[in-house]
Amino acid sequence: PNNEFGISLSRMTEPADKEAWVKAILQYQESLKSRLKKEPSIKIDVDGVINYGKNTYNLLKCDVAAQLGKTLSKETSEICDKVKPIDPS
């Protein structure tokens, strides 16, 4: 089975939607920094940006897959082991 997936985001036109999106990503990136295992090779910039193939994008895929009860292919899952899972509470 193919365990790869991408994240596709629609364009936002309303300023309030854009602002809410950036705030949500900033909060997510802050949470990633606190969840990283002692791993100097993983750098998370808290900038409100998700770039395809970069750490925030890949870790977001890990979190989405975990919430769906899925596992990712080995290439992607290696980065998943470098962050603690989201606390469900």
PDB file of N, CA and C in Angstrom:
ATOM      1  N   PRO A   1       0.822  -1.209   0.000  1.00  0.00           N
ATOM      2  CA  PRO A   1       0.000   0.000   0.000  1.00  0.00           C
ATOM      3  C   PRO A   1       0.856   1.260   0.000  1.00  0.00           C
ATOM      4  N   ASN A   2       0.336   2.301  -0.571  1.00  0.00           N
ATOM      5  CA  ASN A   2       1.034   3.584  -0.624  1.00  0.00           C
ATOM      6  C   ASN A   2       0.721   4.356   0.650  1.00  0.00           C
ATOM      7  N   ASN A   3       1.745   4.600   1.447  1.00  0.00           N
ATOM      8  CA  ASN A   3       1.552   5.301   2.716  1.00  0.00           C
ATOM      9  C   ASN A   3       1.983   6.755   2.651  1.00  0.00           C
ATOM     10  N   GLU A   4       2.112   7.309   1.469  1.00  0.00           N
ATOM     11  CA  GLU A   4       2.500   8.707   1.322  1.00  0.00           C
ATOM     12  C   GLU A   4       1.262   9.550   1.069  1.00  0.00           C
ATOM     13  N   PHE A   5       1.261  10.745   1.591  1.00  0.00           N
ATOM     14  CA  PHE A   5       0.209  11.688   1.256  1.00  0.00           C
ATOM     15  C   PHE A   5       0.782  13.084   1.322  1.00  0.00           C
ATOM     16  N   GLY A   6       0.145  13.992   0.657  1.00  0.00           N
ATOM     17  CA  GLY A   6       0.564  15.384   0.672  1.00  0.00           C
ATOM     18  C   GLY A   6      -0.505  16.224   1.337  1.00  0.00           C
ATOM     19  N   ILE A   7      -0.157  17.428   1.646  1.00  0.00           N
ATOM     20  CA  ILE A   7      -1.105  18.365   2.237  1.00  0.00           C
ATOM     21  C   ILE A   7      -1.327  19.466   1.217  1.00  0.00           C
ATOM     22  N   SER A   8      -2.567  19.643   0.829  1.00  0.00           N
ATOM     23  CA  SER A   8      -2.906  20.655  -0.161  1.00  0.00           C
ATOM     24  C   SER A   8      -3.785  21.707   0.504  1.00  0.00           C
ATOM     25  N   LEU A   9      -3.407  22.942   0.365  1.00  0.00           N
ATOM     26  CA  LEU A   9      -4.129  24.030   1.020  1.00  0.00           C
ATOM     27  C   LEU A   9      -4.733  24.949  -0.033  1.00  0.00           C
ATOM     28  N   SER A  10      -5.988  25.305   0.161  1.00  0.00           N
ATOM     29  CA  SER A  10      -6.629  26.202  -0.796  1.00  0.00           C
ATOM     30  C   SER A  10      -6.188  27.640  -0.526  1.00  0.00           C
ATOM     31  N   ARG A  11      -6.261  28.439  -1.567  1.00  0.00           N
ATOM     32  CA  ARG A  11      -5.885  29.848  -1.424  1.00  0.00           C
ATOM     33  C   ARG A  11      -6.932  30.578  -0.585  1.00  0.00           C
ATOM     34  N   MET A  12      -6.460  31.398   0.308  1.00  0.00           N
ATOM     35  CA  MET A  12      -7.363  32.185   1.146  1.00  0.00           C
ATOM     36  C   MET A  12      -7.395  33.609   0.613  1.00  0.00           C
ATOM     37  N   THR A  13      -8.586  34.153   0.540  1.00  0.00           N
ATOM     38  CA  THR A  13      -8.711  35.508   0.006  1.00  0.00           C
ATOM     39  C   THR A  13      -9.077  36.527   1.076  1.00  0.00           C
ATOM     40  N   GLU A  14      -9.689  36.078   2.146  1.00  0.00           N
ATOM     41  CA  GLU A  14     -10.109  37.003   3.200  1.00  0.00           C
ATOM     42  C   GLU A  14      -8.966  37.250   4.185  1.00  0.00           C
ATOM     43  N   PRO A  15      -8.665  38.516   4.486  1.00  0.00           N
ATOM     44  CA  PRO A  15      -7.583  38.826   5.430  1.00  0.00           C
ATOM     45  C   PRO A  15      -7.750  38.136   6.783  1.00  0.00           C
ATOM     46  N   ALA A  16      -8.974  38.048   7.287  1.00  0.00           N
ATOM     47  CA  ALA A  16      -9.196  37.411   8.594  1.00  0.00           C
ATOM     48  C   ALA A  16      -8.832  35.929   8.542  1.00  0.00           C
ATOM     49  N   ASP A  17      -9.140  35.268   7.419  1.00  0.00           N
ATOM     50  CA  ASP A  17      -8.786  33.852   7.261  1.00  0.00           C
ATOM     51  C   ASP A  17      -7.272  33.681   7.220  1.00  0.00           C
ATOM     52  N   LYS A  18      -6.610  34.560   6.479  1.00  0.00           N
ATOM     53  CA  LYS A  18      -5.147  34.488   6.388  1.00  0.00           C
ATOM     54  C   LYS A  18      -4.508  34.693   7.759  1.00  0.00           C
ATOM     55  N   GLU A  19      -5.012  35.672   8.498  1.00  0.00           N
ATOM     56  CA  GLU A  19      -4.466  35.963   9.821  1.00  0.00           C
ATOM     57  C   GLU A  19      -4.680  34.778  10.768  1.00  0.00           C
ATOM     58  N   ALA A  20      -5.862  34.186  10.733  1.00  0.00           N
ATOM     59  CA  ALA A  20      -6.153  33.030  11.590  1.00  0.00           C
ATOM     60  C   ALA A  20      -5.250  31.854  11.229  1.00  0.00           C
ATOM     61  N   TRP A  21      -5.008  31.665   9.924  1.00  0.00           N
ATOM     62  CA  TRP A  21      -4.143  30.578   9.466  1.00  0.00           C
ATOM     63  C   TRP A  21      -2.719  30.771   9.985  1.00  0.00           C
ATOM     64  N   VAL A  22      -2.181  31.959   9.834  1.00  0.00           N
ATOM     65  CA  VAL A  22      -0.811  32.220  10.281  1.00  0.00           C
ATOM     66  C   VAL A  22      -0.705  32.039  11.795  1.00  0.00           C
ATOM     67  N   LYS A  23      -1.700  32.512  12.541  1.00  0.00           N
ATOM     68  CA  LYS A  23      -1.687  32.328  13.999  1.00  0.00           C
ATOM     69  C   LYS A  23      -1.690  30.846  14.356  1.00  0.00           C
ATOM     70  N   ALA A  24      -2.497  30.061  13.651  1.00  0.00           N
ATOM     71  CA  ALA A  24      -2.557  28.617  13.923  1.00  0.00           C
ATOM     72  C   ALA A  24      -1.218  27.951  13.635  1.00  0.00           C
ATOM     73  N   ILE A  25      -0.571  28.337  12.538  1.00  0.00           N
ATOM     74  CA  ILE A  25       0.728  27.742  12.201  1.00  0.00           C
ATOM     75  C   ILE A  25       1.784  28.175  13.207  1.00  0.00           C
ATOM     76  N   LEU A  26       1.762  29.434  13.636  1.00  0.00           N
ATOM     77  CA  LEU A  26       2.710  29.885  14.658  1.00  0.00           C
ATOM     78  C   LEU A  26       2.549  29.073  15.941  1.00  0.00           C
ATOM     79  N   GLN A  27       1.302  28.832  16.354  1.00  0.00           N
ATOM     80  CA  GLN A  27       1.054  28.027  17.553  1.00  0.00           C
ATOM     81  C   GLN A  27       1.551  26.598  17.350  1.00  0.00           C
ATOM     82  N   TYR A  28       1.309  26.045  16.163  1.00  0.00           N
ATOM     83  CA  TYR A  28       1.757  24.682  15.870  1.00  0.00           C
ATOM     84  C   TYR A  28       3.286  24.606  15.925  1.00  0.00           C
ATOM     85  N   GLN A  29       3.953  25.571  15.304  1.00  0.00           N
ATOM     86  CA  GLN A  29       5.414  25.564  15.302  1.00  0.00           C
ATOM     87  C   GLN A  29       5.969  25.718  16.709  1.00  0.00           C
ATOM     88  N   GLU A  30       5.341  26.535  17.533  1.00  0.00           N
ATOM     89  CA  GLU A  30       5.769  26.661  18.934  1.00  0.00           C
ATOM     90  C   GLU A  30       5.625  25.322  19.644  1.00  0.00           C
ATOM     91  N   SER A  31       4.514  24.622  19.385  1.00  0.00           N
ATOM     92  CA  SER A  31       4.310  23.323  20.029  1.00  0.00           C
ATOM     93  C   SER A  31       5.348  22.316  19.546  1.00  0.00           C
ATOM     94  N   LEU A  32       5.740  22.406  18.283  1.00  0.00           N
ATOM     95  CA  LEU A  32       6.765  21.494  17.762  1.00  0.00           C
ATOM     96  C   LEU A  32       8.082  21.694  18.492  1.00  0.00           C
ATOM     97  N   LYS A  33       8.444  22.950  18.732  1.00  0.00           N
ATOM     98  CA  LYS A  33       9.710  23.221  19.416  1.00  0.00           C
ATOM     99  C   LYS A  33       9.745  22.551  20.777  1.00  0.00           C
ATOM    100  N   SER A  34       8.618  22.553  21.479  1.00  0.00           N
ATOM    101  CA  SER A  34       8.588  21.950  22.808  1.00  0.00           C
ATOM    102  C   SER A  34       8.489  20.430  22.746  1.00  0.00           C
ATOM    103  N   ARG A  35       8.090  19.887  21.610  1.00  0.00           N
ATOM    104  CA  ARG A  35       7.939  18.438  21.477  1.00  0.00           C
ATOM    105  C   ARG A  35       9.144  17.754  20.845  1.00  0.00           C
ATOM    106  N   LEU A  36      10.102  18.536  20.336  1.00  0.00           N
ATOM    107  CA  LEU A  36      11.279  17.935  19.702  1.00  0.00           C
ATOM    108  C   LEU A  36      12.099  17.167  20.726  1.00  0.00           C
ATOM    109  N   LYS A  37      12.494  15.966  20.354  1.00  0.00           N
ATOM    110  CA  LYS A  37      13.433  15.237  21.195  1.00  0.00           C
ATOM    111  C   LYS A  37      14.779  15.922  21.011  1.00  0.00           C
ATOM    112  N   LYS A  38      15.721  15.676  21.859  1.00  0.00           N
ATOM    113  CA  LYS A  38      17.030  16.342  21.768  1.00  0.00           C
ATOM    114  C   LYS A  38      17.658  16.003  20.420  1.00  0.00           C
ATOM    115  N   GLU A  39      17.349  16.802  19.425  1.00  0.00           N
ATOM    116  CA  GLU A  39      17.760  16.522  18.051  1.00  0.00           C
ATOM    117  C   GLU A  39      18.259  17.803  17.390  1.00  0.00           C
ATOM    118  N   PRO A  40      19.564  18.041  17.398  1.00  0.00           N
ATOM    119  CA  PRO A  40      20.088  19.292  16.838  1.00  0.00           C
ATOM    120  C   PRO A  40      19.899  19.427  15.326  1.00  0.00           C
ATOM    121  N   SER A  41      19.673  18.312  14.621  1.00  0.00           N
ATOM    122  CA  SER A  41      19.558  18.395  13.166  1.00  0.00           C
ATOM    123  C   SER A  41      18.174  18.879  12.718  1.00  0.00           C
ATOM    124  N   ILE A  42      17.207  18.915  13.632  1.00  0.00           N
ATOM    125  CA  ILE A  42      15.872  19.382  13.283  1.00  0.00           C
ATOM    126  C   ILE A  42      15.729  20.821  13.752  1.00  0.00           C
ATOM    127  N   LYS A  43      15.510  21.709  12.795  1.00  0.00           N
ATOM    128  CA  LYS A  43      15.361  23.131  13.117  1.00  0.00           C
ATOM    129  C   LYS A  43      13.951  23.558  12.739  1.00  0.00           C
ATOM    130  N   ILE A  44      13.249  24.136  13.691  1.00  0.00           N
ATOM    131  CA  ILE A  44      11.895  24.629  13.445  1.00  0.00           C
ATOM    132  C   ILE A  44      11.924  26.150  13.561  1.00  0.00           C
ATOM    133  N   ASP A  45      11.669  26.815  12.441  1.00  0.00           N
ATOM    134  CA  ASP A  45      11.554  28.268  12.461  1.00  0.00           C
ATOM    135  C   ASP A  45      10.108  28.627  12.770  1.00  0.00           C
ATOM    136  N   VAL A  46       9.906  29.421  13.790  1.00  0.00           N
ATOM    137  CA  VAL A  46       8.555  29.854  14.142  1.00  0.00           C
ATOM    138  C   VAL A  46       8.263  31.098  13.312  1.00  0.00           C
ATOM    139  N   ASP A  47       7.771  30.866  12.092  1.00  0.00           N
ATOM    140  CA  ASP A  47       7.577  31.958  11.142  1.00  0.00           C
ATOM    141  C   ASP A  47       6.198  31.941  10.483  1.00  0.00           C
ATOM    142  N   GLY A  48       5.346  30.987  10.877  1.00  0.00           N
ATOM    143  CA  GLY A  48       4.010  30.927  10.295  1.00  0.00           C
ATOM    144  C   GLY A  48       3.969  30.407   8.880  1.00  0.00           C
ATOM    145  N   VAL A  49       5.048  29.749   8.434  1.00  0.00           N
ATOM    146  CA  VAL A  49       5.140  29.272   7.057  1.00  0.00           C
ATOM    147  C   VAL A  49       5.312  27.758   7.039  1.00  0.00           C
ATOM    148  N   ILE A  50       4.594  27.103   6.117  1.00  0.00           N
ATOM    149  CA  ILE A  50       4.799  25.677   5.873  1.00  0.00           C
ATOM    150  C   ILE A  50       5.273  25.552   4.432  1.00  0.00           C
ATOM    151  N   ASN A  51       6.509  25.131   4.243  1.00  0.00           N
ATOM    152  CA  ASN A  51       7.052  24.930   2.909  1.00  0.00           C
ATOM    153  C   ASN A  51       7.096  23.445   2.601  1.00  0.00           C
ATOM    154  N   TYR A  52       6.658  23.084   1.400  1.00  0.00           N
ATOM    155  CA  TYR A  52       6.632  21.688   0.968  1.00  0.00           C
ATOM    156  C   TYR A  52       8.002  21.043   1.158  1.00  0.00           C
ATOM    157  N   GLY A  53       8.009  19.899   1.832  1.00  0.00           N
ATOM    158  CA  GLY A  53       9.236  19.139   2.015  1.00  0.00           C
ATOM    159  C   GLY A  53      10.117  19.601   3.160  1.00  0.00           C
ATOM    160  N   LYS A  54       9.790  20.713   3.792  1.00  0.00           N
ATOM    161  CA  LYS A  54      10.602  21.211   4.912  1.00  0.00           C
ATOM    162  C   LYS A  54      10.127  20.585   6.218  1.00  0.00           C
ATOM    163  N   ASN A  55      10.839  20.861   7.318  1.00  0.00           N
ATOM    164  CA  ASN A  55      10.562  20.198   8.594  1.00  0.00           C
ATOM    165  C   ASN A  55       9.130  20.396   9.096  1.00  0.00           C
ATOM    166  N   THR A  56       8.619  21.631   9.076  1.00  0.00           N
ATOM    167  CA  THR A  56       7.262  21.847   9.588  1.00  0.00           C
ATOM    168  C   THR A  56       6.257  21.052   8.769  1.00  0.00           C
ATOM    169  N   TYR A  57       6.402  21.064   7.450  1.00  0.00           N
ATOM    170  CA  TYR A  57       5.504  20.312   6.561  1.00  0.00           C
ATOM    171  C   TYR A  57       5.564  18.824   6.882  1.00  0.00           C
ATOM    172  N   ASN A  58       6.773  18.282   6.982  1.00  0.00           N
ATOM    173  CA  ASN A  58       6.919  16.849   7.231  1.00  0.00           C
ATOM    174  C   ASN A  58       6.414  16.454   8.613  1.00  0.00           C
ATOM    175  N   LEU A  59       6.663  17.282   9.623  1.00  0.00           N
ATOM    176  CA  LEU A  59       6.175  16.966  10.962  1.00  0.00           C
ATOM    177  C   LEU A  59       4.659  17.110  11.044  1.00  0.00           C
ATOM    178  N   LEU A  60       4.096  18.037  10.295  1.00  0.00           N
ATOM    179  CA  LEU A  60       2.639  18.146  10.233  1.00  0.00           C
ATOM    180  C   LEU A  60       2.056  16.874   9.624  1.00  0.00           C
ATOM    181  N   LYS A  61       2.701  16.354   8.578  1.00  0.00           N
ATOM    182  CA  LYS A  61       2.252  15.085   7.994  1.00  0.00           C
ATOM    183  C   LYS A  61       2.323  13.961   9.021  1.00  0.00           C
ATOM    184  N   CYS A  62       3.381  13.934   9.828  1.00  0.00           N
ATOM    185  CA  CYS A  62       3.507  12.916  10.882  1.00  0.00           C
ATOM    186  C   CYS A  62       2.339  13.014  11.850  1.00  0.00           C
ATOM    187  N   ASP A  63       2.027  14.233  12.272  1.00  0.00           N
ATOM    188  CA  ASP A  63       0.947  14.433  13.233  1.00  0.00           C
ATOM    189  C   ASP A  63      -0.410  14.064  12.642  1.00  0.00           C
ATOM    190  N   VAL A  64      -0.640  14.437  11.384  1.00  0.00           N
ATOM    191  CA  VAL A  64      -1.910  14.089  10.735  1.00  0.00           C
ATOM    192  C   VAL A  64      -2.028  12.576  10.613  1.00  0.00           C
ATOM    193  N   ALA A  65      -0.957  11.925  10.183  1.00  0.00           N
ATOM    194  CA  ALA A  65      -0.978  10.463  10.050  1.00  0.00           C
ATOM    195  C   ALA A  65      -1.246   9.799  11.396  1.00  0.00           C
ATOM    196  N   ALA A  66      -0.608  10.296  12.447  1.00  0.00           N
ATOM    197  CA  ALA A  66      -0.810   9.723  13.782  1.00  0.00           C
ATOM    198  C   ALA A  66      -2.261   9.883  14.225  1.00  0.00           C
ATOM    199  N   GLN A  67      -2.847  11.046  13.962  1.00  0.00           N
ATOM    200  CA  GLN A  67      -4.243  11.273  14.336  1.00  0.00           C
ATOM    201  C   GLN A  67      -5.187  10.356  13.565  1.00  0.00           C
ATOM    202  N   LEU A  68      -4.782   9.985  12.334  1.00  0.00           N
ATOM    203  CA  LEU A  68      -5.598   9.092  11.510  1.00  0.00           C
ATOM    204  C   LEU A  68      -5.282   7.623  11.773  1.00  0.00           C
ATOM    205  N   GLY A  69      -4.304   7.364  12.641  1.00  0.00           N
ATOM    206  CA  GLY A  69      -3.919   5.987  12.930  1.00  0.00           C
ATOM    207  C   GLY A  69      -3.166   5.331  11.790  1.00  0.00           C
ATOM    208  N   LYS A  70      -2.497   6.124  10.972  1.00  0.00           N
ATOM    209  CA  LYS A  70      -1.751   5.621   9.813  1.00  0.00           C
ATOM    210  C   LYS A  70      -0.258   5.748  10.070  1.00  0.00           C
ATOM    211  N   THR A  71       0.515   4.978   9.331  1.00  0.00           N
ATOM    212  CA  THR A  71       1.969   5.128   9.370  1.00  0.00           C
ATOM    213  C   THR A  71       2.431   5.580   7.997  1.00  0.00           C
ATOM    214  N   LEU A  72       3.527   6.309   7.985  1.00  0.00           N
ATOM    215  CA  LEU A  72       4.075   6.829   6.738  1.00  0.00           C
ATOM    216  C   LEU A  72       5.199   5.929   6.255  1.00  0.00           C
ATOM    217  N   SER A  73       5.598   6.113   5.015  1.00  0.00           N
ATOM    218  CA  SER A  73       6.709   5.330   4.481  1.00  0.00           C
ATOM    219  C   SER A  73       7.985   5.666   5.241  1.00  0.00           C
ATOM    220  N   LYS A  74       8.977   4.812   5.134  1.00  0.00           N
ATOM    221  CA  LYS A  74      10.209   4.951   5.913  1.00  0.00           C
ATOM    222  C   LYS A  74      10.875   6.309   5.701  1.00  0.00           C
ATOM    223  N   GLU A  75      10.902   6.798   4.462  1.00  0.00           N
ATOM    224  CA  GLU A  75      11.579   8.071   4.188  1.00  0.00           C
ATOM    225  C   GLU A  75      10.975   9.205   5.023  1.00  0.00           C
ATOM    226  N   THR A  76       9.662   9.247   5.101  1.00  0.00           N
ATOM    227  CA  THR A  76       9.007  10.316   5.855  1.00  0.00           C
ATOM    228  C   THR A  76       8.975  10.013   7.336  1.00  0.00           C
ATOM    229  N   SER A  77       8.811   8.747   7.693  1.00  0.00           N
ATOM    230  CA  SER A  77       8.625   8.408   9.104  1.00  0.00           C
ATOM    231  C   SER A  77       9.885   8.616   9.935  1.00  0.00           C
ATOM    232  N   GLU A  78      11.054   8.682   9.305  1.00  0.00           N
ATOM    233  CA  GLU A  78      12.287   8.894  10.075  1.00  0.00           C
ATOM    234  C   GLU A  78      12.226  10.198  10.862  1.00  0.00           C
ATOM    235  N   ILE A  79      11.664  11.240  10.286  1.00  0.00           N
ATOM    236  CA  ILE A  79      11.561  12.516  11.004  1.00  0.00           C
ATOM    237  C   ILE A  79      10.503  12.426  12.104  1.00  0.00           C
ATOM    238  N   CYS A  80       9.508  11.556  11.925  1.00  0.00           N
ATOM    239  CA  CYS A  80       8.437  11.423  12.929  1.00  0.00           C
ATOM    240  C   CYS A  80       8.993  10.960  14.270  1.00  0.00           C
ATOM    241  N   ASP A  81      10.041  10.161  14.240  1.00  0.00           N
ATOM    242  CA  ASP A  81      10.627   9.642  15.475  1.00  0.00           C
ATOM    243  C   ASP A  81      11.379  10.709  16.262  1.00  0.00           C
ATOM    244  N   LYS A  82      11.553  11.892  15.688  1.00  0.00           N
ATOM    245  CA  LYS A  82      12.348  12.935  16.329  1.00  0.00           C
ATOM    246  C   LYS A  82      11.494  13.924  17.109  1.00  0.00           C
ATOM    247  N   VAL A  83      10.200  13.672  17.155  1.00  0.00           N
ATOM    248  CA  VAL A  83       9.295  14.561  17.885  1.00  0.00           C
ATOM    249  C   VAL A  83       8.353  13.720  18.738  1.00  0.00           C
ATOM    250  N   LYS A  84       8.053  14.228  19.913  1.00  0.00           N
ATOM    251  CA  LYS A  84       7.109  13.529  20.793  1.00  0.00           C
ATOM    252  C   LYS A  84       5.703  13.689  20.226  1.00  0.00           C
ATOM    253  N   PRO A  85       4.860  12.680  20.368  1.00  0.00           N
ATOM    254  CA  PRO A  85       3.490  12.781  19.840  1.00  0.00           C
ATOM    255  C   PRO A  85       2.700  13.902  20.511  1.00  0.00           C
ATOM    256  N   ILE A  86       1.667  14.351  19.826  1.00  0.00           N
ATOM    257  CA  ILE A  86       0.776  15.362  20.392  1.00  0.00           C
ATOM    258  C   ILE A  86       0.057  14.757  21.585  1.00  0.00           C
ATOM    259  N   ASP A  87       0.011  15.502  22.671  1.00  0.00           N
ATOM    260  CA  ASP A  87      -0.722  15.062  23.857  1.00  0.00           C
ATOM    261  C   ASP A  87      -2.216  15.208  23.566  1.00  0.00           C
ATOM    262  N   PRO A  88      -2.972  14.098  23.604  1.00  0.00           N
ATOM    263  CA  PRO A  88      -4.389  14.159  23.231  1.00  0.00           C
ATOM    264  C   PRO A  88      -5.275  14.943  24.193  1.00  0.00           C
ATOM    265  N   SER A  89      -4.749  15.322  25.353  1.00  0.00           N
ATOM    266  CA  SER A  89      -5.607  16.028  26.321  1.00  0.00           C
ATOM    267  C   SER A  89      -5.799  17.484  25.968  1.00  0.00           C
TER     268      SER A  89
END
